Protein backbone atom coordinates (compact mmCIF):
# COMPACT_ATOMS: atom_id res chain seq x y z
CA MET A 1 -18.43 -23.57 -3.54
CA ALA A 2 -16.53 -23.06 -6.76
CA GLN A 3 -14.64 -19.87 -7.54
CA TYR A 4 -14.48 -18.22 -10.94
CA ILE A 5 -12.47 -15.43 -12.51
CA ILE A 6 -14.55 -13.38 -14.96
CA THR A 7 -13.08 -10.79 -17.30
CA GLY A 8 -14.63 -8.53 -19.90
CA SER A 9 -14.78 -5.10 -21.41
CA TYR A 10 -17.30 -2.28 -21.48
CA THR A 11 -18.84 -1.28 -24.79
CA ALA A 12 -18.57 2.26 -26.11
CA ALA A 13 -22.27 2.77 -25.32
CA ALA A 14 -21.69 1.70 -21.71
CA MET A 15 -18.75 4.08 -21.37
CA LYS A 16 -20.84 6.95 -22.73
CA GLY A 17 -23.48 6.09 -20.13
CA MET A 18 -20.91 5.99 -17.33
CA ILE A 19 -19.56 9.38 -18.36
CA ALA A 20 -23.05 10.91 -18.50
CA HIS A 21 -24.28 9.17 -15.33
CA PRO A 22 -21.42 7.83 -13.16
CA SER A 23 -22.41 4.73 -11.19
CA ASP A 24 -20.82 2.16 -8.92
CA ARG A 25 -20.37 -0.79 -11.30
CA GLU A 26 -19.14 -3.04 -8.48
CA LYS A 27 -22.42 -2.55 -6.62
CA ALA A 28 -24.50 -3.17 -9.76
CA THR A 29 -22.46 -6.24 -10.70
CA GLY A 30 -22.63 -7.60 -7.15
CA ALA A 31 -26.41 -7.33 -7.21
CA LEU A 32 -26.56 -9.31 -10.47
CA ILE A 33 -24.25 -12.01 -9.12
CA ALA A 34 -26.26 -12.21 -5.88
CA ALA A 35 -29.51 -12.55 -7.85
CA ALA A 36 -27.95 -15.63 -9.46
CA GLY A 37 -27.06 -17.07 -6.05
CA GLY A 38 -23.37 -16.17 -6.13
CA LYS A 39 -21.13 -13.76 -4.28
CA LEU A 40 -18.87 -11.13 -5.80
CA GLU A 41 -15.64 -11.58 -3.84
CA ALA A 42 -13.50 -9.01 -5.67
CA TYR A 43 -14.02 -6.52 -8.49
CA TYR A 44 -11.25 -4.56 -10.19
CA LEU A 45 -11.04 -2.21 -13.14
CA THR A 46 -8.00 -3.05 -15.21
CA THR A 47 -5.82 -1.82 -18.02
CA GLY A 48 -4.77 -3.99 -20.90
CA ASP A 49 -6.85 -6.52 -22.79
CA THR A 50 -9.91 -6.21 -20.55
CA ASP A 51 -11.63 -3.45 -18.61
CA PHE A 52 -12.54 -5.48 -15.51
CA ILE A 53 -11.74 -8.65 -13.63
CA MET A 54 -13.76 -10.17 -10.83
CA ARG A 55 -13.64 -13.21 -8.59
CA VAL A 56 -16.99 -14.83 -7.96
CA THR A 57 -17.99 -17.67 -5.66
CA ALA A 58 -20.97 -19.76 -6.75
CA SER A 59 -22.42 -23.19 -6.19
CA ASP A 60 -24.47 -23.26 -9.40
CA MET A 61 -22.61 -22.44 -12.60
CA THR A 62 -25.82 -22.63 -14.63
CA LYS A 63 -27.22 -19.67 -12.70
CA MET A 64 -23.93 -17.83 -13.06
CA LEU A 65 -24.07 -18.36 -16.82
CA ALA A 66 -27.56 -16.91 -16.75
CA ALA A 67 -26.24 -13.80 -14.99
CA LEU A 68 -23.49 -13.45 -17.60
CA MET A 69 -26.10 -13.78 -20.33
CA VAL A 70 -28.08 -10.93 -18.74
CA ALA A 71 -24.95 -8.76 -18.62
CA GLY A 72 -24.04 -9.59 -22.21
CA ALA A 73 -27.58 -9.06 -23.50
CA SER A 74 -27.64 -5.61 -21.90
CA GLY A 75 -25.17 -4.40 -24.50
CA ALA A 76 -22.97 -2.92 -21.76
CA VAL A 77 -20.22 -5.53 -21.83
CA THR A 78 -18.40 -7.59 -24.38
CA GLY A 79 -15.76 -10.30 -24.47
CA LEU A 80 -16.86 -11.99 -21.25
CA LYS A 81 -14.58 -14.88 -20.29
CA THR A 82 -14.97 -17.17 -17.30
CA VAL A 83 -12.44 -19.61 -15.87
CA GLN A 84 -12.69 -21.65 -12.71
CA CYS A 85 -9.93 -20.98 -10.20
CA PHE A 86 -8.62 -23.09 -7.36
CA THR A 87 -6.94 -22.35 -4.06
CA SER A 88 -3.52 -23.77 -3.32
CA ALA A 89 -5.15 -26.25 -0.91
CA GLU A 90 -7.56 -27.42 -3.63
CA PHE A 91 -4.66 -27.87 -6.04
CA LEU A 92 -2.75 -29.89 -3.45
CA GLU A 93 -5.78 -32.20 -3.13
CA ALA A 94 -5.86 -32.56 -6.93
CA GLN A 95 -2.19 -33.54 -6.93
CA LYS A 96 -2.84 -36.20 -4.31
CA ALA A 97 -5.85 -37.50 -6.25
CA ALA A 98 -3.77 -37.62 -9.44
CA GLY A 99 -1.17 -39.74 -7.67
CA ALA A 100 -3.86 -42.11 -6.44
CA ILE A 101 -5.41 -42.63 -9.88
CA SER A 102 -2.27 -42.49 -12.03
CA MET A 103 -1.86 -46.28 -11.94
CA LYS A 104 -5.17 -46.66 -13.81
CA TYR A 105 -3.96 -44.82 -16.92
CA THR A 106 -1.94 -46.27 -19.78
CA ALA A 107 -0.33 -43.70 -22.04
CA PRO A 108 -0.46 -44.29 -25.80
CA ASN A 109 2.72 -45.83 -27.19
């Protein structure tokens, strides 16, 4: 299964709603990710450029994109960004694969 890092920010309307009616956003987000067939591995509120960061495991990125569309369409979040992340073991395998295929590439001169 692939792992993804997703970041984003809450809109002003969402923050007003959270102040008026506090809720567990990790639980709500986990339910959305699960509905798309993924698993929320970690969820953090952050300071800086974004309000949250999460690590998600999923086998179907199309369904994960659908979940992100639902979140974005809700008007509660903005600036969603998704990047795939790799474990050190996966990166080691990529290095080995690169060595094995490097002979097939000719750089432009």
